[in-house]
Amino acid sequence: MSPNAEATSPEMQLIEKFRTGYGALRAEVGKAVVGQEEVVEQLLIAVFARGHCLLVGVPGLAKTLLVSTLAKTMDLSFSRIQFTPDLMPSDITGTEVIQDDKVSGERVQRFMQGPVFANFILADEINRTPPKTQSALLEAMQEYKVTCGGKRYALPEPFFVLATQNPIEQEGTYPLPEAQLDRFMFMVLVDYPKRDEEFSVMKLTTGEAAPDVAKVITRDDLLKLQGIVRKVPIADTLVNNILDIVRKTRLNDPTAPDYIKKWLAWGAGPRAAQYIILGSKARALLKGRFHVSPEDIAAVAKPVLRHRLITNFNAEADGVKPDDIVAKLLSETPALADAMSRDDRIAKVLKS
């Protein structure tokens, strides 16, 4: 195939459309949120892969601003739910009320939709509310439906739950159940900005002008882009590499290394491998490729696995975090070793 024919192939046109949409989104988000390049990339990967995201960071790092700004760049409905200790499940999903029918004069029971009936759901400080209320999101996140009064109501598509959580102040909070954590495709760690980025934040937020964020992607475009992600091919060899990593995190698996049995109390389930594949496919398109490479797997493995690996007391005593374990697993996978060697965070990999 000639270069010109390849450049105009349907696959290349799809990739270019995906990259154009991604670039436009990042440009608009950058008007309001300075820096946080890796966070923005992971968040957009999750959106394109139809995954939910949990953003963890101390207050004041623009987690809420990032989510609300992203919603503004898309022609989608947006709803913010501030999770508090007195929030009830019906405050999220909606409830049935009795109303007078003006035509018949009879009293009828009707379902009043709650704030969860939107495309973008910002669950602010999700760990501030009790498990009973947190569980109201489980069905919505997995089934894209809400049950009330024995009836099921479909949520609008696309549907995303982007939740924020403060990792420091744990008094009066309720840790998310493992079943709910597993519904989140990524756990994204939001760190402090660099000095030059923080300088820009000070200039941006203390002046008169407010950033004007434009809508760049419609609902139909987003659905098409999500469909493109599913079409990206991945080699069976890489699928096996992903399975090797996930299965090695399980203590009862014969391939589990000794340090897994020493540091982990529980490993990752099948959903982890599914999300690594989908995240790798989305990232490949963002980088202009119509195939998954080892670099894509290495880039998404940590945000997918860090909240699915339950460390034990030995890990806490040794100062070992889930990210360290994931990095060690990646470095020991031959096909991914080169990709990890190009990551400056490899220095954090623990030596056996």
Protein backbone atom coordinates (compact mmCIF):
# COMPACT_ATOMS: atom_id res chain seq x y z
CA MET A 1 0.00 0.00 0.00
CA SER A 2 1.37 3.41 -0.93
CA PRO A 3 1.90 6.09 1.76
CA ASN A 4 -0.90 8.20 0.27
CA ALA A 5 -3.33 5.27 0.29
CA GLU A 6 -2.39 4.47 3.89
CA ALA A 7 -2.93 8.08 4.94
CA THR A 8 -6.45 8.04 3.57
CA SER A 9 -7.41 4.59 4.85
CA PRO A 10 -10.54 4.39 7.03
CA GLU A 11 -8.42 3.37 10.03
CA MET A 12 -6.17 6.41 9.73
CA GLN A 13 -9.16 8.68 9.34
CA LEU A 14 -10.64 7.27 12.55
CA ILE A 15 -7.35 7.76 14.39
CA GLU A 16 -7.08 11.34 13.16
CA LYS A 17 -10.64 12.08 14.26
CA PHE A 18 -9.89 10.61 17.67
CA ARG A 19 -6.67 12.61 18.07
CA THR A 20 -8.37 15.81 16.94
CA GLY A 21 -11.13 15.38 19.51
CA TYR A 22 -8.61 14.53 22.22
CA GLY A 23 -6.41 17.52 21.40
CA ALA A 24 -9.36 19.89 21.41
CA LEU A 25 -10.52 18.59 24.78
CA ARG A 26 -7.10 19.00 26.35
CA ALA A 27 -6.78 22.51 24.99
CA GLU A 28 -10.12 23.57 26.49
CA VAL A 29 -9.45 21.88 29.84
CA GLY A 30 -6.05 23.60 29.94
CA LYS A 31 -7.78 27.00 29.94
CA ALA A 32 -9.08 26.36 33.47
CA VAL A 33 -6.75 23.67 34.86
CA VAL A 34 -3.01 24.31 34.75
CA GLY A 35 -0.69 21.31 34.51
CA GLN A 36 -1.81 17.89 35.76
CA GLU A 37 -1.04 16.49 32.30
CA GLU A 38 -0.99 12.85 33.38
CA VAL A 39 -4.19 13.26 35.40
CA VAL A 40 -6.03 14.82 32.45
CA GLU A 41 -4.80 12.08 30.11
CA GLN A 42 -5.95 9.29 32.44
CA LEU A 43 -9.30 10.96 32.95
CA LEU A 44 -9.89 11.27 29.20
CA ILE A 45 -8.76 7.68 28.61
CA ALA A 46 -11.41 6.55 31.10
CA VAL A 47 -14.07 8.67 29.39
CA PHE A 48 -13.25 7.35 25.93
CA ALA A 49 -13.19 3.78 27.28
CA ARG A 50 -16.58 4.20 29.02
CA GLY A 51 -15.05 3.84 32.47
CA HIS A 52 -15.69 5.53 35.81
CA CYS A 53 -12.89 7.36 37.61
CA LEU A 54 -11.93 7.98 41.24
CA LEU A 55 -9.72 11.03 41.78
CA VAL A 56 -7.75 10.97 45.04
CA GLY A 57 -5.86 14.00 46.31
CA VAL A 58 -5.65 16.55 49.09
CA PRO A 59 -8.00 19.57 48.99
CA GLY A 60 -7.21 22.46 46.67
CA LEU A 61 -5.72 20.51 43.76
CA ALA A 62 -8.57 21.33 41.34
CA LYS A 63 -10.12 17.85 41.29
CA THR A 64 -13.66 19.20 41.26
CA LEU A 65 -12.74 21.97 38.81
CA LEU A 66 -11.18 19.42 36.47
CA VAL A 67 -14.32 17.28 36.33
CA SER A 68 -16.71 20.21 35.93
CA THR A 69 -14.50 21.76 33.23
CA LEU A 70 -14.38 18.49 31.31
CA ALA A 71 -18.18 18.31 31.40
CA LYS A 72 -18.37 21.80 29.92
CA THR A 73 -16.26 20.75 26.93
CA MET A 74 -18.84 18.14 25.95
CA ASP A 75 -22.44 18.58 24.94
CA LEU A 76 -23.59 16.43 27.85
CA SER A 77 -25.78 16.92 30.90
CA PHE A 78 -23.89 17.42 34.14
CA SER A 79 -24.90 16.83 37.75
CA ARG A 80 -22.90 17.41 40.92
CA ILE A 81 -23.73 15.45 44.07
CA GLN A 82 -22.09 16.62 47.27
CA PHE A 83 -21.80 13.51 49.41
CA THR A 84 -22.57 14.21 53.08
CA PRO A 85 -23.26 11.96 56.11
CA ASP A 86 -27.02 12.69 55.95
CA LEU A 87 -27.40 11.95 52.22
CA MET A 88 -30.03 9.27 51.52
CA PRO A 89 -30.12 6.83 48.55
CA SER A 90 -33.30 8.46 47.23
CA ASP A 91 -31.45 11.80 47.17
CA ILE A 92 -29.30 10.27 44.43
CA THR A 93 -31.55 7.95 42.48
CA GLY A 94 -34.88 9.73 42.86
CA THR A 95 -38.16 8.72 44.48
CA GLU A 96 -41.80 8.06 43.76
CA VAL A 97 -44.28 10.81 44.65
CA ILE A 98 -48.05 11.07 44.56
CA GLN A 99 -49.45 13.76 42.26
CA ASP A 100 -52.90 14.85 41.13
CA ASP A 101 -53.70 14.03 37.51
CA LYS A 102 -55.21 17.23 36.11
CA VAL A 103 -57.09 15.31 33.41
CA SER A 104 -58.72 12.52 35.42
CA GLY A 105 -58.60 14.18 38.83
CA GLU A 106 -57.15 10.98 40.29
CA ARG A 107 -54.03 10.75 42.39
CA VAL A 108 -51.24 8.89 40.61
CA GLN A 109 -47.79 7.73 41.61
CA ARG A 110 -44.92 9.06 39.51
CA PHE A 111 -41.17 8.67 39.60
CA MET A 112 -39.18 11.87 40.10
CA GLN A 113 -35.68 11.46 38.72
CA GLY A 114 -32.74 12.17 41.00
CA PRO A 115 -29.45 13.87 40.08
CA VAL A 116 -27.98 10.55 38.91
CA PHE A 117 -29.99 10.95 35.70
CA ALA A 118 -27.29 12.85 33.83
CA ASN A 119 -24.36 12.00 31.55
CA PHE A 120 -21.64 13.34 33.84
CA ILE A 121 -21.99 12.68 37.57
CA LEU A 122 -19.52 14.43 39.87
CA ALA A 123 -19.62 12.53 43.16
CA ASP A 124 -17.80 15.01 45.36
CA GLU A 125 -16.10 13.53 48.44
CA ILE A 126 -17.78 10.18 47.87
CA ASN A 127 -16.38 8.69 51.09
CA ARG A 128 -18.29 11.22 53.23
CA THR A 129 -21.56 9.30 53.02
CA PRO A 130 -22.52 5.96 54.64
CA PRO A 131 -22.29 2.67 52.70
CA LYS A 132 -26.07 2.47 52.29
CA THR A 133 -26.01 5.63 50.20
CA GLN A 134 -22.77 4.73 48.43
CA SER A 135 -24.41 1.47 47.32
CA ALA A 136 -27.07 3.50 45.50
CA LEU A 137 -24.43 4.14 42.85
CA LEU A 138 -23.47 0.48 42.38
CA GLU A 139 -26.33 -0.47 40.10
CA ALA A 140 -26.03 2.79 38.18
CA MET A 141 -22.28 2.36 37.62
CA GLN A 142 -22.53 -1.25 36.47
CA GLU A 143 -25.96 -1.64 34.88
CA TYR A 144 -26.64 1.97 33.81
CA LYS A 145 -30.06 1.60 35.41
CA VAL A 146 -31.83 2.63 38.61
CA THR A 147 -34.44 0.55 40.43
CA CYS A 148 -37.22 2.26 42.37
CA GLY A 149 -40.56 0.84 43.44
CA GLY A 150 -39.89 -2.42 41.63
CA LYS A 151 -39.33 -0.67 38.30
CA ARG A 152 -36.05 -0.13 36.45
CA TYR A 153 -35.25 3.18 34.79
CA ALA A 154 -32.51 3.50 32.19
CA LEU A 155 -29.88 6.19 32.66
CA PRO A 156 -28.86 8.45 29.76
CA GLU A 157 -25.88 7.37 27.69
CA PRO A 158 -23.03 8.00 27.86
CA PHE A 159 -22.91 7.78 31.65
CA PHE A 160 -19.85 8.49 33.80
CA VAL A 161 -19.29 8.68 37.54
CA LEU A 162 -16.25 10.79 38.34
CA ALA A 163 -15.74 10.76 42.10
CA THR A 164 -13.33 12.70 44.32
CA GLN A 165 -11.84 11.59 47.62
CA ASN A 166 -9.58 13.18 50.23
CA PRO A 167 -6.89 10.68 51.36
CA ILE A 168 -5.79 12.62 54.46
CA GLU A 169 -8.79 13.50 56.56
CA GLN A 170 -10.39 10.15 57.39
CA GLU A 171 -12.32 11.11 60.53
CA GLY A 172 -16.05 10.84 59.88
CA THR A 173 -15.55 9.08 56.52
CA TYR A 174 -16.70 5.70 55.26
CA PRO A 175 -14.19 3.72 53.18
CA LEU A 176 -15.66 2.58 49.87
CA PRO A 177 -16.62 -1.12 49.74
CA GLU A 178 -14.34 -3.24 47.58
CA ALA A 179 -17.27 -4.05 45.27
CA GLN A 180 -17.76 -0.36 44.60
CA LEU A 181 -14.04 0.35 44.20
CA ASP A 182 -13.92 -2.39 41.57
CA ARG A 183 -16.50 -0.48 39.51
CA PHE A 184 -14.03 2.36 39.01
CA MET A 185 -11.82 1.82 35.98
CA PHE A 186 -9.07 4.14 37.27
CA MET A 187 -7.96 5.46 40.60
CA VAL A 188 -6.16 8.65 39.60
CA LEU A 189 -3.73 10.18 42.11
CA VAL A 190 -3.72 13.98 41.97
CA ASP A 191 -0.44 15.39 43.30
CA TYR A 192 0.77 18.90 44.05
CA PRO A 193 1.59 21.03 40.98
CA LYS A 194 5.12 21.93 39.96
CA ARG A 195 6.41 25.38 40.91
CA ASP A 196 5.96 26.95 37.48
CA GLU A 197 2.49 25.42 37.22
CA GLU A 198 1.52 26.76 40.64
CA PHE A 199 2.79 30.21 39.58
CA SER A 200 0.44 30.07 36.58
CA VAL A 201 -2.41 28.98 38.85
CA MET A 202 -1.86 32.01 41.07
CA LYS A 203 -1.95 34.35 38.07
CA LEU A 204 -4.98 32.66 36.56
CA THR A 205 -7.14 32.50 39.69
CA THR A 206 -6.42 35.92 41.19
CA GLY A 207 -7.20 38.05 38.14
CA GLU A 208 -10.46 39.43 36.81
CA ALA A 209 -10.84 37.32 33.68
CA ALA A 210 -12.51 33.93 34.05
CA PRO A 211 -11.59 31.23 31.51
CA ASP A 212 -14.22 30.68 28.83
CA VAL A 213 -14.41 26.95 28.11
CA ALA A 214 -16.10 25.98 24.85
CA LYS A 215 -17.92 22.77 23.93
CA VAL A 216 -15.86 20.83 21.41
CA ILE A 217 -17.45 17.35 21.31
CA THR A 218 -21.10 16.44 20.95
CA ARG A 219 -22.81 13.45 22.50
CA ASP A 220 -22.94 11.62 19.14
CA ASP A 221 -19.24 12.27 18.50
CA LEU A 222 -18.32 10.89 21.90
CA LEU A 223 -20.35 7.74 21.35
CA LYS A 224 -18.63 7.24 17.98
CA LEU A 225 -15.19 7.75 19.54
CA GLN A 226 -16.03 5.21 22.24
CA GLY A 227 -16.98 2.76 19.50
CA ILE A 228 -13.61 3.29 17.81
CA VAL A 229 -11.79 2.29 21.02
CA ARG A 230 -13.45 -1.13 20.98
CA LYS A 231 -12.22 -1.74 17.42
CA VAL A 232 -8.52 -1.28 18.21
CA PRO A 233 -6.73 -4.65 17.83
CA ILE A 234 -4.46 -6.09 20.51
CA ALA A 235 -2.10 -9.00 19.99
CA ASP A 236 -2.79 -12.23 21.87
CA THR A 237 0.74 -12.02 23.25
CA LEU A 238 -0.05 -8.72 24.97
CA VAL A 239 -3.37 -10.09 26.27
CA ASN A 240 -1.42 -12.95 27.84
CA ASN A 241 1.05 -10.48 29.32
CA ILE A 242 -1.84 -8.61 30.94
CA LEU A 243 -3.32 -11.84 32.25
CA ASP A 244 0.06 -12.85 33.66
CA ILE A 245 0.31 -9.60 35.62
CA VAL A 246 -3.23 -9.77 36.98
CA ARG A 247 -3.08 -13.45 37.89
CA LYS A 248 0.26 -13.03 39.67
CA THR A 249 -1.47 -10.70 42.15
CA ARG A 250 -3.59 -13.59 43.46
CA LEU A 251 -2.07 -15.38 46.43
CA ASN A 252 -3.46 -18.80 45.49
CA ASP A 253 -2.17 -18.67 41.92
CA PRO A 254 0.88 -20.90 41.33
CA THR A 255 2.61 -18.12 39.35
CA ALA A 256 2.38 -15.60 42.23
CA PRO A 257 5.88 -14.45 43.28
CA ASP A 258 6.98 -14.68 46.90
CA TYR A 259 6.74 -10.91 47.41
CA ILE A 260 3.06 -11.02 46.42
CA LYS A 261 2.37 -13.57 49.14
CA LYS A 262 4.37 -11.43 51.57
CA TRP A 263 2.80 -8.04 50.82
CA LEU A 264 -0.74 -8.65 49.56
CA ALA A 265 -3.87 -9.77 51.38
CA TRP A 266 -5.98 -9.83 48.21
CA GLY A 267 -5.35 -9.54 44.48
CA ALA A 268 -7.15 -8.22 41.41
CA GLY A 269 -10.14 -9.82 39.69
CA PRO A 270 -10.95 -10.31 35.99
CA ARG A 271 -12.33 -6.76 35.64
CA ALA A 272 -8.78 -5.45 36.11
CA ALA A 273 -7.56 -7.19 32.95
CA GLN A 274 -10.58 -5.94 31.02
CA TYR A 275 -9.90 -2.34 32.05
CA ILE A 276 -6.17 -2.58 31.26
CA ILE A 277 -7.04 -3.73 27.74
CA LEU A 278 -9.67 -1.01 27.20
CA GLY A 279 -7.42 1.68 28.68
CA SER A 280 -4.52 0.54 26.50
CA LYS A 281 -6.71 0.69 23.40
CA ALA A 282 -7.85 4.23 24.19
CA ARG A 283 -4.30 5.40 24.90
CA ALA A 284 -3.03 3.86 21.67
CA LEU A 285 -5.49 5.99 19.71
CA LEU A 286 -4.51 9.09 21.67
CA LYS A 287 -0.91 8.46 20.60
CA GLY A 288 -1.90 8.05 16.94
CA ARG A 289 -1.73 4.26 16.67
CA PHE A 290 -4.40 1.73 15.71
CA HIS A 291 -2.82 -1.05 17.75
CA VAL A 292 -1.87 -1.57 21.39
CA SER A 293 1.80 -1.45 22.35
CA PRO A 294 3.59 -2.43 25.60
CA GLU A 295 3.94 1.28 26.44
CA ASP A 296 0.14 1.61 26.59
CA ILE A 297 -0.14 -1.29 29.02
CA ALA A 298 2.61 0.09 31.25
CA ALA A 299 0.91 3.51 31.30
CA VAL A 300 -2.52 2.31 32.45
CA ALA A 301 -1.59 -0.62 34.70
CA LYS A 302 -1.06 1.46 37.84
CA PRO A 303 -4.31 3.47 37.80
CA VAL A 304 -6.22 0.24 37.06
CA LEU A 305 -4.58 -1.93 39.73
CA ARG A 306 -3.69 0.40 42.62
CA HIS A 307 -7.16 0.26 44.19
CA ARG A 308 -7.61 -3.45 43.50
CA LEU A 309 -4.53 -4.66 45.37
CA ILE A 310 -5.14 -4.95 49.12
CA THR A 311 -1.84 -4.74 50.97
CA ASN A 312 -1.27 -6.30 54.40
CA PHE A 313 0.61 -5.31 57.54
CA ASN A 314 3.94 -6.53 56.14
CA ALA A 315 3.65 -4.13 53.22
CA GLU A 316 2.79 -1.26 55.52
CA ALA A 317 5.78 -2.08 57.74
CA ASP A 318 8.08 -2.22 54.71
CA GLY A 319 6.66 1.01 53.26
CA VAL A 320 5.38 -0.79 50.16
CA LYS A 321 2.52 0.76 48.18
CA PRO A 322 0.36 -0.91 45.51
CA ASP A 323 2.11 1.18 42.85
CA ASP A 324 5.45 -0.31 43.89
CA ILE A 325 4.09 -3.83 43.49
CA VAL A 326 2.61 -3.04 40.07
CA ALA A 327 5.88 -1.51 38.91
CA LYS A 328 7.77 -4.61 40.05
CA LEU A 329 5.34 -6.90 38.20
CA LEU A 330 5.70 -4.83 35.03
CA SER A 331 9.49 -4.84 35.22
CA GLU A 332 9.47 -8.63 35.49
CA THR A 333 7.31 -9.07 32.38
CA PRO A 334 9.74 -9.37 29.42
CA ALA A 335 7.50 -7.74 26.82
CA LEU A 336 6.92 -4.73 29.11
CA ALA A 337 10.42 -4.36 30.54
CA ASP A 338 11.58 -2.02 27.76
CA ALA A 339 8.50 0.17 28.18
CA MET A 340 9.14 0.41 31.92
CA SER A 341 12.81 1.25 31.38
CA ARG A 342 11.70 4.43 29.59
CA ASP A 343 9.66 5.45 32.65
CA ASP A 344 11.66 7.57 35.12
CA ARG A 345 9.51 6.17 37.93
CA ILE A 346 11.27 2.80 37.49
CA ALA A 347 13.67 3.94 40.21
CA LYS A 348 10.88 3.33 42.69
CA VAL A 349 10.65 -0.36 41.81
CA LEU A 350 11.64 -2.41 44.82
CA LYS A 351 14.40 -4.93 44.47
CA SER A 352 13.81 -8.44 45.56
